[in-house]
mmCIF file of all heavy atoms, coordinates in Angstrom:
data_MODEL
# 
_entry.id   MODEL 
# 
loop_
_atom_site.group_PDB 
_atom_site.id 
_atom_site.type_symbol 
_atom_site.label_atom_id 
_atom_site.label_alt_id 
_atom_site.label_comp_id 
_atom_site.label_asym_id 
_atom_site.label_entity_id 
_atom_site.label_seq_id 
_atom_site.pdbx_PDB_ins_code 
_atom_site.Cartn_x 
_atom_site.Cartn_y 
_atom_site.Cartn_z 
_atom_site.occupancy 
_atom_site.B_iso_or_equiv 
_atom_site.pdbx_formal_charge 
_atom_site.auth_seq_id 
_atom_site.auth_comp_id 
_atom_site.auth_asym_id 
_atom_site.auth_atom_id 
_atom_site.pdbx_PDB_model_num 
ATOM 1   N N   . MET A 1 1  ? 30.244 -2.650  4.194  1.00 0.00 ? 1  MET A N   1 
ATOM 2   C CA  . MET A 1 1  ? 29.972 -3.305  2.909  1.00 0.00 ? 1  MET A CA  1 
ATOM 3   C C   . MET A 1 1  ? 28.521 -3.066  2.479  1.00 0.00 ? 1  MET A C   1 
ATOM 4   O O   . MET A 1 1  ? 27.825 -3.973  2.009  1.00 0.00 ? 1  MET A O   1 
ATOM 5   C CB  . MET A 1 1  ? 30.282 -4.802  2.996  1.00 0.00 ? 1  MET A CB  1 
ATOM 6   C CG  . MET A 1 1  ? 31.763 -5.083  3.207  1.00 0.00 ? 1  MET A CG  1 
ATOM 7   S SD  . MET A 1 1  ? 32.189 -6.832  3.156  1.00 0.00 ? 1  MET A SD  1 
ATOM 8   C CE  . MET A 1 1  ? 31.369 -7.419  4.641  1.00 0.00 ? 1  MET A CE  1 
ATOM 9   N N   . GLY A 1 2  ? 28.052 -1.839  2.683  1.00 0.00 ? 2  GLY A N   1 
ATOM 10  C CA  . GLY A 1 2  ? 26.724 -1.457  2.244  1.00 0.00 ? 2  GLY A CA  1 
ATOM 11  C C   . GLY A 1 2  ? 25.605 -1.780  3.209  1.00 0.00 ? 2  GLY A C   1 
ATOM 12  O O   . GLY A 1 2  ? 24.461 -1.351  3.005  1.00 0.00 ? 2  GLY A O   1 
ATOM 13  N N   . GLU A 1 3  ? 25.896 -2.538  4.262  1.00 0.00 ? 3  GLU A N   1 
ATOM 14  C CA  . GLU A 1 3  ? 24.860 -2.912  5.237  1.00 0.00 ? 3  GLU A CA  1 
ATOM 15  C C   . GLU A 1 3  ? 24.781 -1.859  6.338  1.00 0.00 ? 3  GLU A C   1 
ATOM 16  O O   . GLU A 1 3  ? 25.800 -1.538  6.963  1.00 0.00 ? 3  GLU A O   1 
ATOM 17  C CB  . GLU A 1 3  ? 25.186 -4.271  5.873  1.00 0.00 ? 3  GLU A CB  1 
ATOM 18  C CG  . GLU A 1 3  ? 24.182 -4.684  6.940  1.00 0.00 ? 3  GLU A CG  1 
ATOM 19  C CD  . GLU A 1 3  ? 24.635 -5.907  7.727  1.00 0.00 ? 3  GLU A CD  1 
ATOM 20  O OE1 . GLU A 1 3  ? 25.721 -6.438  7.420  1.00 0.00 ? 3  GLU A OE1 1 
ATOM 21  O OE2 . GLU A 1 3  ? 23.913 -6.306  8.654  1.00 0.00 ? 3  GLU A OE2 1 
ATOM 22  N N   . PRO A 1 4  ? 23.595 -1.335  6.625  1.00 0.00 ? 4  PRO A N   1 
ATOM 23  C CA  . PRO A 1 4  ? 23.476 -0.365  7.720  1.00 0.00 ? 4  PRO A CA  1 
ATOM 24  C C   . PRO A 1 4  ? 23.577 -1.046  9.077  1.00 0.00 ? 4  PRO A C   1 
ATOM 25  O O   . PRO A 1 4  ? 22.843 -2.000  9.356  1.00 0.00 ? 4  PRO A O   1 
ATOM 26  C CB  . PRO A 1 4  ? 22.082 0.243   7.498  1.00 0.00 ? 4  PRO A CB  1 
ATOM 27  C CG  . PRO A 1 4  ? 21.305 -0.817  6.782  1.00 0.00 ? 4  PRO A CG  1 
ATOM 28  C CD  . PRO A 1 4  ? 22.307 -1.550  5.927  1.00 0.00 ? 4  PRO A CD  1 
ATOM 29  N N   . LEU A 1 5  ? 24.508 -0.565  9.885  1.00 0.00 ? 5  LEU A N   1 
ATOM 30  C CA  . LEU A 1 5  ? 24.688 -1.099  11.240 1.00 0.00 ? 5  LEU A CA  1 
ATOM 31  C C   . LEU A 1 5  ? 24.042 -0.206  12.293 1.00 0.00 ? 5  LEU A C   1 
ATOM 32  O O   . LEU A 1 5  ? 23.524 -0.703  13.292 1.00 0.00 ? 5  LEU A O   1 
ATOM 33  C CB  . LEU A 1 5  ? 26.184 -1.238  11.556 1.00 0.00 ? 5  LEU A CB  1 
ATOM 34  C CG  . LEU A 1 5  ? 27.034 -2.069  10.597 1.00 0.00 ? 5  LEU A CG  1 
ATOM 35  C CD1 . LEU A 1 5  ? 28.486 -2.074  11.066 1.00 0.00 ? 5  LEU A CD1 1 
ATOM 36  C CD2 . LEU A 1 5  ? 26.501 -3.500  10.506 1.00 0.00 ? 5  LEU A CD2 1 
ATOM 37  N N   . VAL A 1 6  ? 24.110 1.092   12.063 1.00 0.00 ? 6  VAL A N   1 
ATOM 38  C CA  . VAL A 1 6  ? 23.633 2.078   13.038 1.00 0.00 ? 6  VAL A CA  1 
ATOM 39  C C   . VAL A 1 6  ? 23.031 3.257   12.281 1.00 0.00 ? 6  VAL A C   1 
ATOM 40  O O   . VAL A 1 6  ? 23.536 3.646   11.226 1.00 0.00 ? 6  VAL A O   1 
ATOM 41  C CB  . VAL A 1 6  ? 24.787 2.600   13.937 1.00 0.00 ? 6  VAL A CB  1 
ATOM 42  C CG1 . VAL A 1 6  ? 24.253 3.549   15.003 1.00 0.00 ? 6  VAL A CG1 1 
ATOM 43  C CG2 . VAL A 1 6  ? 25.543 1.452   14.580 1.00 0.00 ? 6  VAL A CG2 1 
ATOM 44  N N   . PHE A 1 7  ? 21.960 3.818   12.830 1.00 0.00 ? 7  PHE A N   1 
ATOM 45  C CA  . PHE A 1 7  ? 21.416 5.076   12.339 1.00 0.00 ? 7  PHE A CA  1 
ATOM 46  C C   . PHE A 1 7  ? 21.258 6.051   13.503 1.00 0.00 ? 7  PHE A C   1 
ATOM 47  O O   . PHE A 1 7  ? 20.887 5.664   14.611 1.00 0.00 ? 7  PHE A O   1 
ATOM 48  C CB  . PHE A 1 7  ? 20.034 4.890   11.688 1.00 0.00 ? 7  PHE A CB  1 
ATOM 49  C CG  . PHE A 1 7  ? 20.063 4.416   10.269 1.00 0.00 ? 7  PHE A CG  1 
ATOM 50  C CD1 . PHE A 1 7  ? 19.474 3.199   9.919  1.00 0.00 ? 7  PHE A CD1 1 
ATOM 51  C CD2 . PHE A 1 7  ? 20.641 5.184   9.276  1.00 0.00 ? 7  PHE A CD2 1 
ATOM 52  C CE1 . PHE A 1 7  ? 19.478 2.765   8.610  1.00 0.00 ? 7  PHE A CE1 1 
ATOM 53  C CE2 . PHE A 1 7  ? 20.659 4.752   7.959  1.00 0.00 ? 7  PHE A CE2 1 
ATOM 54  C CZ  . PHE A 1 7  ? 20.068 3.536   7.624  1.00 0.00 ? 7  PHE A CZ  1 
ATOM 55  N N   . HIS A 1 8  ? 21.536 7.323   13.243 1.00 0.00 ? 8  HIS A N   1 
ATOM 56  C CA  . HIS A 1 8  ? 21.224 8.426   14.150 1.00 0.00 ? 8  HIS A CA  1 
ATOM 57  C C   . HIS A 1 8  ? 20.423 9.461   13.383 1.00 0.00 ? 8  HIS A C   1 
ATOM 58  O O   . HIS A 1 8  ? 20.589 9.613   12.176 1.00 0.00 ? 8  HIS A O   1 
ATOM 59  C CB  . HIS A 1 8  ? 22.498 9.117   14.668 1.00 0.00 ? 8  HIS A CB  1 
ATOM 60  C CG  . HIS A 1 8  ? 23.430 8.238   15.416 1.00 0.00 ? 8  HIS A CG  1 
ATOM 61  N ND1 . HIS A 1 8  ? 24.778 8.517   15.543 1.00 0.00 ? 8  HIS A ND1 1 
ATOM 62  C CD2 . HIS A 1 8  ? 23.224 7.078   16.097 1.00 0.00 ? 8  HIS A CD2 1 
ATOM 63  C CE1 . HIS A 1 8  ? 25.362 7.581   16.261 1.00 0.00 ? 8  HIS A CE1 1 
ATOM 64  N NE2 . HIS A 1 8  ? 24.444 6.686   16.600 1.00 0.00 ? 8  HIS A NE2 1 
ATOM 65  N N   . SER A 1 9  ? 19.568 10.185  14.090 1.00 0.00 ? 9  SER A N   1 
ATOM 66  C CA  . SER A 1 9  ? 18.954 11.375  13.496 1.00 0.00 ? 9  SER A CA  1 
ATOM 67  C C   . SER A 1 9  ? 19.112 12.532  14.464 1.00 0.00 ? 9  SER A C   1 
ATOM 68  O O   . SER A 1 9  ? 19.190 12.341  15.689 1.00 0.00 ? 9  SER A O   1 
ATOM 69  C CB  . SER A 1 9  ? 17.479 11.145  13.163 1.00 0.00 ? 9  SER A CB  1 
ATOM 70  O OG  . SER A 1 9  ? 16.694 11.038  14.336 1.00 0.00 ? 9  SER A OG  1 
ATOM 71  N N   . TYR A 1 10 ? 19.177 13.741  13.899 1.00 0.00 ? 10 TYR A N   1 
ATOM 72  C CA  . TYR A 1 10 ? 19.397 14.955  14.692 1.00 0.00 ? 10 TYR A CA  1 
ATOM 73  C C   . TYR A 1 10 ? 18.449 16.051  14.239 1.00 0.00 ? 10 TYR A C   1 
ATOM 74  O O   . TYR A 1 10 ? 18.188 16.209  13.037 1.00 0.00 ? 10 TYR A O   1 
ATOM 75  C CB  . TYR A 1 10 ? 20.833 15.469  14.519 1.00 0.00 ? 10 TYR A CB  1 
ATOM 76  C CG  . TYR A 1 10 ? 21.880 14.548  15.078 1.00 0.00 ? 10 TYR A CG  1 
ATOM 77  C CD1 . TYR A 1 10 ? 22.436 13.542  14.287 1.00 0.00 ? 10 TYR A CD1 1 
ATOM 78  C CD2 . TYR A 1 10 ? 22.309 14.675  16.398 1.00 0.00 ? 10 TYR A CD2 1 
ATOM 79  C CE1 . TYR A 1 10 ? 23.399 12.687  14.794 1.00 0.00 ? 10 TYR A CE1 1 
ATOM 80  C CE2 . TYR A 1 10 ? 23.279 13.818  16.913 1.00 0.00 ? 10 TYR A CE2 1 
ATOM 81  C CZ  . TYR A 1 10 ? 23.807 12.825  16.115 1.00 0.00 ? 10 TYR A CZ  1 
ATOM 82  O OH  . TYR A 1 10 ? 24.756 11.972  16.628 1.00 0.00 ? 10 TYR A OH  1 
ATOM 83  N N   . ILE A 1 11 ? 17.950 16.817  15.212 1.00 0.00 ? 11 ILE A N   1 
ATOM 84  C CA  . ILE A 1 11 ? 17.295 18.082  14.929 1.00 0.00 ? 11 ILE A CA  1 
ATOM 85  C C   . ILE A 1 11 ? 18.374 19.157  15.065 1.00 0.00 ? 11 ILE A C   1 
ATOM 86  O O   . ILE A 1 11 ? 19.102 19.175  16.063 1.00 0.00 ? 11 ILE A O   1 
ATOM 87  C CB  . ILE A 1 11 ? 16.141 18.360  15.912 1.00 0.00 ? 11 ILE A CB  1 
ATOM 88  C CG1 . ILE A 1 11 ? 15.147 17.194  15.902 1.00 0.00 ? 11 ILE A CG1 1 
ATOM 89  C CG2 . ILE A 1 11 ? 15.452 19.670  15.553 1.00 0.00 ? 11 ILE A CG2 1 
ATOM 90  C CD1 . ILE A 1 11 ? 14.485 16.925  14.590 1.00 0.00 ? 11 ILE A CD1 1 
ATOM 91  N N   . PHE A 1 12 ? 18.493 20.039  14.077 1.00 0.00 ? 12 PHE A N   1 
ATOM 92  C CA  . PHE A 1 12 ? 19.563 21.027  14.146 1.00 0.00 ? 12 PHE A CA  1 
ATOM 93  C C   . PHE A 1 12 ? 19.058 22.417  13.769 1.00 0.00 ? 12 PHE A C   1 
ATOM 94  O O   . PHE A 1 12 ? 18.128 22.572  12.967 1.00 0.00 ? 12 PHE A O   1 
ATOM 95  C CB  . PHE A 1 12 ? 20.740 20.630  13.236 1.00 0.00 ? 12 PHE A CB  1 
ATOM 96  C CG  . PHE A 1 12 ? 20.429 20.635  11.772 1.00 0.00 ? 12 PHE A CG  1 
ATOM 97  C CD1 . PHE A 1 12 ? 20.663 21.762  10.996 1.00 0.00 ? 12 PHE A CD1 1 
ATOM 98  C CD2 . PHE A 1 12 ? 19.899 19.505  11.147 1.00 0.00 ? 12 PHE A CD2 1 
ATOM 99  C CE1 . PHE A 1 12 ? 20.384 21.769  9.639  1.00 0.00 ? 12 PHE A CE1 1 
ATOM 100 C CE2 . PHE A 1 12 ? 19.607 19.500  9.790  1.00 0.00 ? 12 PHE A CE2 1 
ATOM 101 C CZ  . PHE A 1 12 ? 19.859 20.639  9.033  1.00 0.00 ? 12 PHE A CZ  1 
ATOM 102 N N   . GLY A 1 13 ? 19.670 23.408  14.401 1.00 0.00 ? 13 GLY A N   1 
ATOM 103 C CA  . GLY A 1 13 ? 19.411 24.802  14.084 1.00 0.00 ? 13 GLY A CA  1 
ATOM 104 C C   . GLY A 1 13 ? 20.679 25.457  13.591 1.00 0.00 ? 13 GLY A C   1 
ATOM 105 O O   . GLY A 1 13 ? 21.597 24.789  13.100 1.00 0.00 ? 13 GLY A O   1 
ATOM 106 N N   . GLU A 1 14 ? 20.781 26.759  13.772 1.00 0.00 ? 14 GLU A N   1 
ATOM 107 C CA  . GLU A 1 14 ? 21.937 27.495  13.266 1.00 0.00 ? 14 GLU A CA  1 
ATOM 108 C C   . GLU A 1 14 ? 23.205 27.180  14.045 1.00 0.00 ? 14 GLU A C   1 
ATOM 109 O O   . GLU A 1 14 ? 24.286 27.033  13.460 1.00 0.00 ? 14 GLU A O   1 
ATOM 110 C CB  . GLU A 1 14 ? 21.662 28.998  13.319 1.00 0.00 ? 14 GLU A CB  1 
ATOM 111 C CG  . GLU A 1 14 ? 22.775 29.844  12.710 1.00 0.00 ? 14 GLU A CG  1 
ATOM 112 C CD  . GLU A 1 14 ? 22.456 31.317  12.724 1.00 0.00 ? 14 GLU A CD  1 
ATOM 113 O OE1 . GLU A 1 14 ? 21.319 31.687  13.114 1.00 0.00 ? 14 GLU A OE1 1 
ATOM 114 O OE2 . GLU A 1 14 ? 23.338 32.110  12.348 1.00 0.00 ? 14 GLU A OE2 1 
ATOM 115 N N   . LYS A 1 15 ? 23.091 27.050  15.375 1.00 0.00 ? 15 LYS A N   1 
ATOM 116 C CA  . LYS A 1 15 ? 24.274 26.861  16.211 1.00 0.00 ? 15 LYS A CA  1 
ATOM 117 C C   . LYS A 1 15 ? 24.192 25.648  17.142 1.00 0.00 ? 15 LYS A C   1 
ATOM 118 O O   . LYS A 1 15 ? 25.159 25.333  17.817 1.00 0.00 ? 15 LYS A O   1 
ATOM 119 C CB  . LYS A 1 15 ? 24.516 28.109  17.066 1.00 0.00 ? 15 LYS A CB  1 
ATOM 120 C CG  . LYS A 1 15 ? 24.827 29.364  16.253 1.00 0.00 ? 15 LYS A CG  1 
ATOM 121 C CD  . LYS A 1 15 ? 26.108 29.214  15.444 1.00 0.00 ? 15 LYS A CD  1 
ATOM 122 C CE  . LYS A 1 15 ? 26.406 30.470  14.637 1.00 0.00 ? 15 LYS A CE  1 
ATOM 123 N NZ  . LYS A 1 15 ? 27.622 30.305  13.792 1.00 0.00 ? 15 LYS A NZ  1 
ATOM 124 N N   . ARG A 1 16 ? 23.037 24.975  17.194 1.00 0.00 ? 16 ARG A N   1 
ATOM 125 C CA  . ARG A 1 16 ? 22.877 23.848  18.104 1.00 0.00 ? 16 ARG A CA  1 
ATOM 126 C C   . ARG A 1 16 ? 22.216 22.668  17.402 1.00 0.00 ? 16 ARG A C   1 
ATOM 127 O O   . ARG A 1 16 ? 21.447 22.842  16.464 1.00 0.00 ? 16 ARG A O   1 
ATOM 128 C CB  . ARG A 1 16 ? 22.032 24.258  19.318 1.00 0.00 ? 16 ARG A CB  1 
ATOM 129 C CG  . ARG A 1 16 ? 22.777 25.171  20.278 1.00 0.00 ? 16 ARG A CG  1 
ATOM 130 C CD  . ARG A 1 16 ? 21.929 25.461  21.509 1.00 0.00 ? 16 ARG A CD  1 
ATOM 131 N NE  . ARG A 1 16 ? 20.860 26.406  21.210 1.00 0.00 ? 16 ARG A NE  1 
ATOM 132 C CZ  . ARG A 1 16 ? 19.908 26.762  22.078 1.00 0.00 ? 16 ARG A CZ  1 
ATOM 133 N NH1 . ARG A 1 16 ? 19.893 26.215  23.286 1.00 0.00 ? 16 ARG A NH1 1 
ATOM 134 N NH2 . ARG A 1 16 ? 18.986 27.642  21.737 1.00 0.00 ? 16 ARG A NH2 1 
ATOM 135 N N   . CYS A 1 17 ? 22.522 21.481  17.893 1.00 0.00 ? 17 CYS A N   1 
ATOM 136 C CA  . CYS A 1 17 ? 21.857 20.278  17.403 1.00 0.00 ? 17 CYS A CA  1 
ATOM 137 C C   . CYS A 1 17 ? 21.545 19.377  18.594 1.00 0.00 ? 17 CYS A C   1 
ATOM 138 O O   . CYS A 1 17 ? 22.163 19.474  19.653 1.00 0.00 ? 17 CYS A O   1 
ATOM 139 C CB  . CYS A 1 17 ? 22.714 19.535  16.380 1.00 0.00 ? 17 CYS A CB  1 
ATOM 140 S SG  . CYS A 1 17 ? 24.217 18.791  17.063 1.00 0.00 ? 17 CYS A SG  1 
ATOM 141 N N   . ARG A 1 18 ? 20.551 18.504  18.400 1.00 0.00 ? 18 ARG A N   1 
ATOM 142 C CA  . ARG A 1 18 ? 20.159 17.588  19.468 1.00 0.00 ? 18 ARG A CA  1 
ATOM 143 C C   . ARG A 1 18 ? 19.905 16.216  18.870 1.00 0.00 ? 18 ARG A C   1 
ATOM 144 O O   . ARG A 1 18 ? 19.199 16.084  17.867 1.00 0.00 ? 18 ARG A O   1 
ATOM 145 C CB  . ARG A 1 18 ? 18.904 18.087  20.178 1.00 0.00 ? 18 ARG A CB  1 
ATOM 146 C CG  . ARG A 1 18 ? 18.488 17.204  21.353 1.00 0.00 ? 18 ARG A CG  1 
ATOM 147 C CD  . ARG A 1 18 ? 17.277 17.777  22.081 1.00 0.00 ? 18 ARG A CD  1 
ATOM 148 N NE  . ARG A 1 18 ? 16.901 16.944  23.209 1.00 0.00 ? 18 ARG A NE  1 
ATOM 149 C CZ  . ARG A 1 18 ? 15.832 17.183  23.988 1.00 0.00 ? 18 ARG A CZ  1 
ATOM 150 N NH1 . ARG A 1 18 ? 15.064 18.234  23.752 1.00 0.00 ? 18 ARG A NH1 1 
ATOM 151 N NH2 . ARG A 1 18 ? 15.540 16.379  24.984 1.00 0.00 ? 18 ARG A NH2 1 
ATOM 152 N N   . LEU A 1 19 ? 20.504 15.192  19.478 1.00 0.00 ? 19 LEU A N   1 
ATOM 153 C CA  . LEU A 1 19 ? 20.248 13.812  19.063 1.00 0.00 ? 19 LEU A CA  1 
ATOM 154 C C   . LEU A 1 19 ? 18.762 13.520  19.221 1.00 0.00 ? 19 LEU A C   1 
ATOM 155 O O   . LEU A 1 19 ? 18.184 13.713  20.292 1.00 0.00 ? 19 LEU A O   1 
ATOM 156 C CB  . LEU A 1 19 ? 21.087 12.853  19.907 1.00 0.00 ? 19 LEU A CB  1 
ATOM 157 C CG  . LEU A 1 19 ? 20.905 11.362  19.620 1.00 0.00 ? 19 LEU A CG  1 
ATOM 158 C CD1 . LEU A 1 19 ? 21.340 11.018  18.202 1.00 0.00 ? 19 LEU A CD1 1 
ATOM 159 C CD2 . LEU A 1 19 ? 21.702 10.538  20.639 1.00 0.00 ? 19 LEU A CD2 1 
ATOM 160 N N   . PHE A 1 20 ? 18.141 13.041  18.162 1.00 0.00 ? 20 PHE A N   1 
ATOM 161 C CA  . PHE A 1 20 ? 16.698 12.817  18.142 1.00 0.00 ? 20 PHE A CA  1 
ATOM 162 C C   . PHE A 1 20 ? 16.371 11.331  18.246 1.00 0.00 ? 20 PHE A C   1 
ATOM 163 O O   . PHE A 1 20 ? 15.538 10.915  19.051 1.00 0.00 ? 20 PHE A O   1 
ATOM 164 C CB  . PHE A 1 20 ? 16.138 13.428  16.858 1.00 0.00 ? 20 PHE A CB  1 
ATOM 165 C CG  . PHE A 1 20 ? 14.650 13.418  16.746 1.00 0.00 ? 20 PHE A CG  1 
ATOM 166 C CD1 . PHE A 1 20 ? 13.840 13.870  17.772 1.00 0.00 ? 20 PHE A CD1 1 
ATOM 167 C CD2 . PHE A 1 20 ? 14.042 12.967  15.570 1.00 0.00 ? 20 PHE A CD2 1 
ATOM 168 C CE1 . PHE A 1 20 ? 12.459 13.877  17.651 1.00 0.00 ? 20 PHE A CE1 1 
ATOM 169 C CE2 . PHE A 1 20 ? 12.667 12.980  15.439 1.00 0.00 ? 20 PHE A CE2 1 
ATOM 170 C CZ  . PHE A 1 20 ? 11.867 13.426  16.476 1.00 0.00 ? 20 PHE A CZ  1 
ATOM 171 N N   . GLN A 1 21 ? 17.035 10.506  17.421 1.00 0.00 ? 21 GLN A N   1 
ATOM 172 C CA  . GLN A 1 21 ? 16.789 9.059   17.408 1.00 0.00 ? 21 GLN A CA  1 
ATOM 173 C C   . GLN A 1 21 ? 18.118 8.326   17.215 1.00 0.00 ? 21 GLN A C   1 
ATOM 174 O O   . GLN A 1 21 ? 19.026 8.844   16.570 1.00 0.00 ? 21 GLN A O   1 
ATOM 175 C CB  . GLN A 1 21 ? 15.842 8.683   16.262 1.00 0.00 ? 21 GLN A CB  1 
ATOM 176 C CG  . GLN A 1 21 ? 14.492 9.354   16.318 1.00 0.00 ? 21 GLN A CG  1 
ATOM 177 C CD  . GLN A 1 21 ? 13.811 9.349   14.967 1.00 0.00 ? 21 GLN A CD  1 
ATOM 178 O OE1 . GLN A 1 21 ? 14.451 9.534   13.931 1.00 0.00 ? 21 GLN A OE1 1 
ATOM 179 N NE2 . GLN A 1 21 ? 12.505 9.148   14.959 1.00 0.00 ? 21 GLN A NE2 1 
ATOM 180 N N   . SER A 1 22 ? 18.187 7.122   17.757 1.00 0.00 ? 22 SER A N   1 
ATOM 181 C CA  . SER A 1 22 ? 19.382 6.299   17.582 1.00 0.00 ? 22 SER A CA  1 
ATOM 182 C C   . SER A 1 22 ? 18.962 4.834   17.611 1.00 0.00 ? 22 SER A C   1 
ATOM 183 O O   . SER A 1 22 ? 18.154 4.434   18.449 1.00 0.00 ? 22 SER A O   1 
ATOM 184 C CB  . SER A 1 22 ? 20.402 6.584   18.687 1.00 0.00 ? 22 SER A CB  1 
ATOM 185 O OG  . SER A 1 22 ? 21.537 5.745   18.563 1.00 0.00 ? 22 SER A OG  1 
ATOM 186 N N   . CYS A 1 23 ? 19.510 4.044   16.693 1.00 0.00 ? 23 CYS A N   1 
ATOM 187 C CA  . CYS A 1 23 ? 19.189 2.614   16.692 1.00 0.00 ? 23 CYS A CA  1 
ATOM 188 C C   . CYS A 1 23 ? 20.336 1.839   16.059 1.00 0.00 ? 23 CYS A C   1 
ATOM 189 O O   . CYS A 1 23 ? 21.115 2.366   15.268 1.00 0.00 ? 23 CYS A O   1 
ATOM 190 C CB  . CYS A 1 23 ? 17.887 2.350   15.940 1.00 0.00 ? 23 CYS A CB  1 
ATOM 191 S SG  . CYS A 1 23 ? 17.863 2.942   14.235 1.00 0.00 ? 23 CYS A SG  1 
ATOM 192 N N   . SER A 1 24 ? 20.432 0.563   16.434 1.00 0.00 ? 24 SER A N   1 
ATOM 193 C CA  . SER A 1 24 ? 21.492 -0.302  15.912 1.00 0.00 ? 24 SER A CA  1 
ATOM 194 C C   . SER A 1 24 ? 20.954 -1.714  15.736 1.00 0.00 ? 24 SER A C   1 
ATOM 195 O O   . SER A 1 24 ? 19.891 -2.060  16.236 1.00 0.00 ? 24 SER A O   1 
ATOM 196 C CB  . SER A 1 24 ? 22.702 -0.287  16.845 1.00 0.00 ? 24 SER A CB  1 
ATOM 197 O OG  . SER A 1 24 ? 22.310 -0.566  18.176 1.00 0.00 ? 24 SER A OG  1 
ATOM 198 N N   . SER A 1 25 ? 21.733 -2.555  15.038 1.00 0.00 ? 25 SER A N   1 
ATOM 199 C CA  . SER A 1 25 ? 21.194 -3.816  14.523 1.00 0.00 ? 25 SER A CA  1 
ATOM 200 C C   . SER A 1 25 ? 21.672 -5.071  15.231 1.00 0.00 ? 25 SER A C   1 
ATOM 201 O O   . SER A 1 25 ? 21.438 -6.161  14.743 1.00 0.00 ? 25 SER A O   1 
ATOM 202 C CB  . SER A 1 25 ? 21.558 -3.938  13.034 1.00 0.00 ? 25 SER A CB  1 
ATOM 203 O OG  . SER A 1 25 ? 22.962 -4.087  12.885 1.00 0.00 ? 25 SER A OG  1 
ATOM 204 N N   . PHE A 1 26 ? 22.310 -4.945  16.399 1.00 0.00 ? 26 PHE A N   1 
ATOM 205 C CA  . PHE A 1 26 ? 23.039 -6.092  16.925 1.00 0.00 ? 26 PHE A CA  1 
ATOM 206 C C   . PHE A 1 26 ? 22.294 -6.953  17.938 1.00 0.00 ? 26 PHE A C   1 
ATOM 207 O O   . PHE A 1 26 ? 22.867 -7.869  18.521 1.00 0.00 ? 26 PHE A O   1 
ATOM 208 C CB  . PHE A 1 26 ? 24.353 -5.628  17.565 1.00 0.00 ? 26 PHE A CB  1 
ATOM 209 C CG  . PHE A 1 26 ? 24.172 -4.717  18.755 1.00 0.00 ? 26 PHE A CG  1 
ATOM 210 C CD1 . PHE A 1 26 ? 24.022 -5.225  20.024 1.00 0.00 ? 26 PHE A CD1 1 
ATOM 211 C CD2 . PHE A 1 26 ? 24.176 -3.339  18.596 1.00 0.00 ? 26 PHE A CD2 1 
ATOM 212 C CE1 . PHE A 1 26 ? 23.878 -4.377  21.111 1.00 0.00 ? 26 PHE A CE1 1 
ATOM 213 C CE2 . PHE A 1 26 ? 24.032 -2.489  19.674 1.00 0.00 ? 26 PHE A CE2 1 
ATOM 214 C CZ  . PHE A 1 26 ? 23.884 -3.008  20.940 1.00 0.00 ? 26 PHE A CZ  1 
ATOM 215 N N   . ARG A 1 27 ? 21.050 -6.759  18.192 1.00 0.00 ? 27 ARG A N   1 
ATOM 216 C CA  . ARG A 1 27 ? 20.411 -7.380  19.349 1.00 0.00 ? 27 ARG A CA  1 
ATOM 217 C C   . ARG A 1 27 ? 20.411 -8.902  19.324 1.00 0.00 ? 27 ARG A C   1 
ATOM 218 O O   . ARG A 1 27 ? 20.625 -9.538  20.334 1.00 0.00 ? 27 ARG A O   1 
ATOM 219 C CB  . ARG A 1 27 ? 18.976 -6.855  19.481 1.00 0.00 ? 27 ARG A CB  1 
ATOM 220 C CG  . ARG A 1 27 ? 18.900 -5.336  19.624 1.00 0.00 ? 27 ARG A CG  1 
ATOM 221 C CD  . ARG A 1 27 ? 19.623 -4.836  20.855 1.00 0.00 ? 27 ARG A CD  1 
ATOM 222 N NE  . ARG A 1 27 ? 20.040 -3.447  20.690 1.00 0.00 ? 27 ARG A NE  1 
ATOM 223 C CZ  . ARG A 1 27 ? 20.739 -2.784  21.585 1.00 0.00 ? 27 ARG A CZ  1 
ATOM 224 N NH1 . ARG A 1 27 ? 21.137 -3.362  22.693 1.00 0.00 ? 27 ARG A NH1 1 
ATOM 225 N NH2 . ARG A 1 27 ? 21.091 -1.536  21.360 1.00 0.00 ? 27 ARG A NH2 1 
ATOM 226 N N   . ASP A 1 28 ? 20.136 -9.509  18.168 1.00 0.00 ? 28 ASP A N   1 
ATOM 227 C CA  . ASP A 1 28 ? 19.995 -10.969 18.112 1.00 0.00 ? 28 ASP A CA  1 
ATOM 228 C C   . ASP A 1 28 ? 21.232 -11.678 17.552 1.00 0.00 ? 28 ASP A C   1 
ATOM 229 O O   . ASP A 1 28 ? 21.187 -12.874 17.289 1.00 0.00 ? 28 ASP A O   1 
ATOM 230 C CB  . ASP A 1 28 ? 18.786 -11.343 17.242 1.00 0.00 ? 28 ASP A CB  1 
ATOM 231 C CG  . ASP A 1 28 ? 17.473 -11.126 17.981 1.00 0.00 ? 28 ASP A CG  1 
ATOM 232 O OD1 . ASP A 1 28 ? 17.491 -11.131 19.216 1.00 0.00 ? 28 ASP A OD1 1 
ATOM 233 O OD2 . ASP A 1 28 ? 16.443 -10.933 17.309 1.00 0.00 ? 28 ASP A OD2 1 
ATOM 234 N N   . GLU A 1 29 ? 22.331 -10.939 17.400 1.00 0.00 ? 29 GLU A N   1 
ATOM 235 C CA  . GLU A 1 29 ? 23.493 -11.511 16.734 1.00 0.00 ? 29 GLU A CA  1 
ATOM 236 C C   . GLU A 1 29 ? 24.519 -12.049 17.745 1.00 0.00 ? 29 GLU A C   1 
ATOM 237 O O   . GLU A 1 29 ? 24.379 -11.897 18.951 1.00 0.00 ? 29 GLU A O   1 
ATOM 238 C CB  . GLU A 1 29 ? 24.149 -10.454 15.839 1.00 0.00 ? 29 GLU A CB  1 
ATOM 239 C CG  . GLU A 1 29 ? 23.209 -9.841  14.812 1.00 0.00 ? 29 GLU A CG  1 
ATOM 240 C CD  . GLU A 1 29 ? 22.750 -10.836 13.767 1.00 0.00 ? 29 GLU A CD  1 
ATOM 241 O OE1 . GLU A 1 29 ? 23.439 -11.865 13.587 1.00 0.00 ? 29 GLU A OE1 1 
ATOM 242 O OE2 . GLU A 1 29 ? 21.718 -10.600 13.123 1.00 0.00 ? 29 GLU A OE2 1 
# 
């Protein structure tokens, strides 16, 4: 419903990608 729950970021090239960052919002809930 428009609220961000999780974000990922990736570094990517022509044939490979690597997870760079990951975060989520559930710690205090």
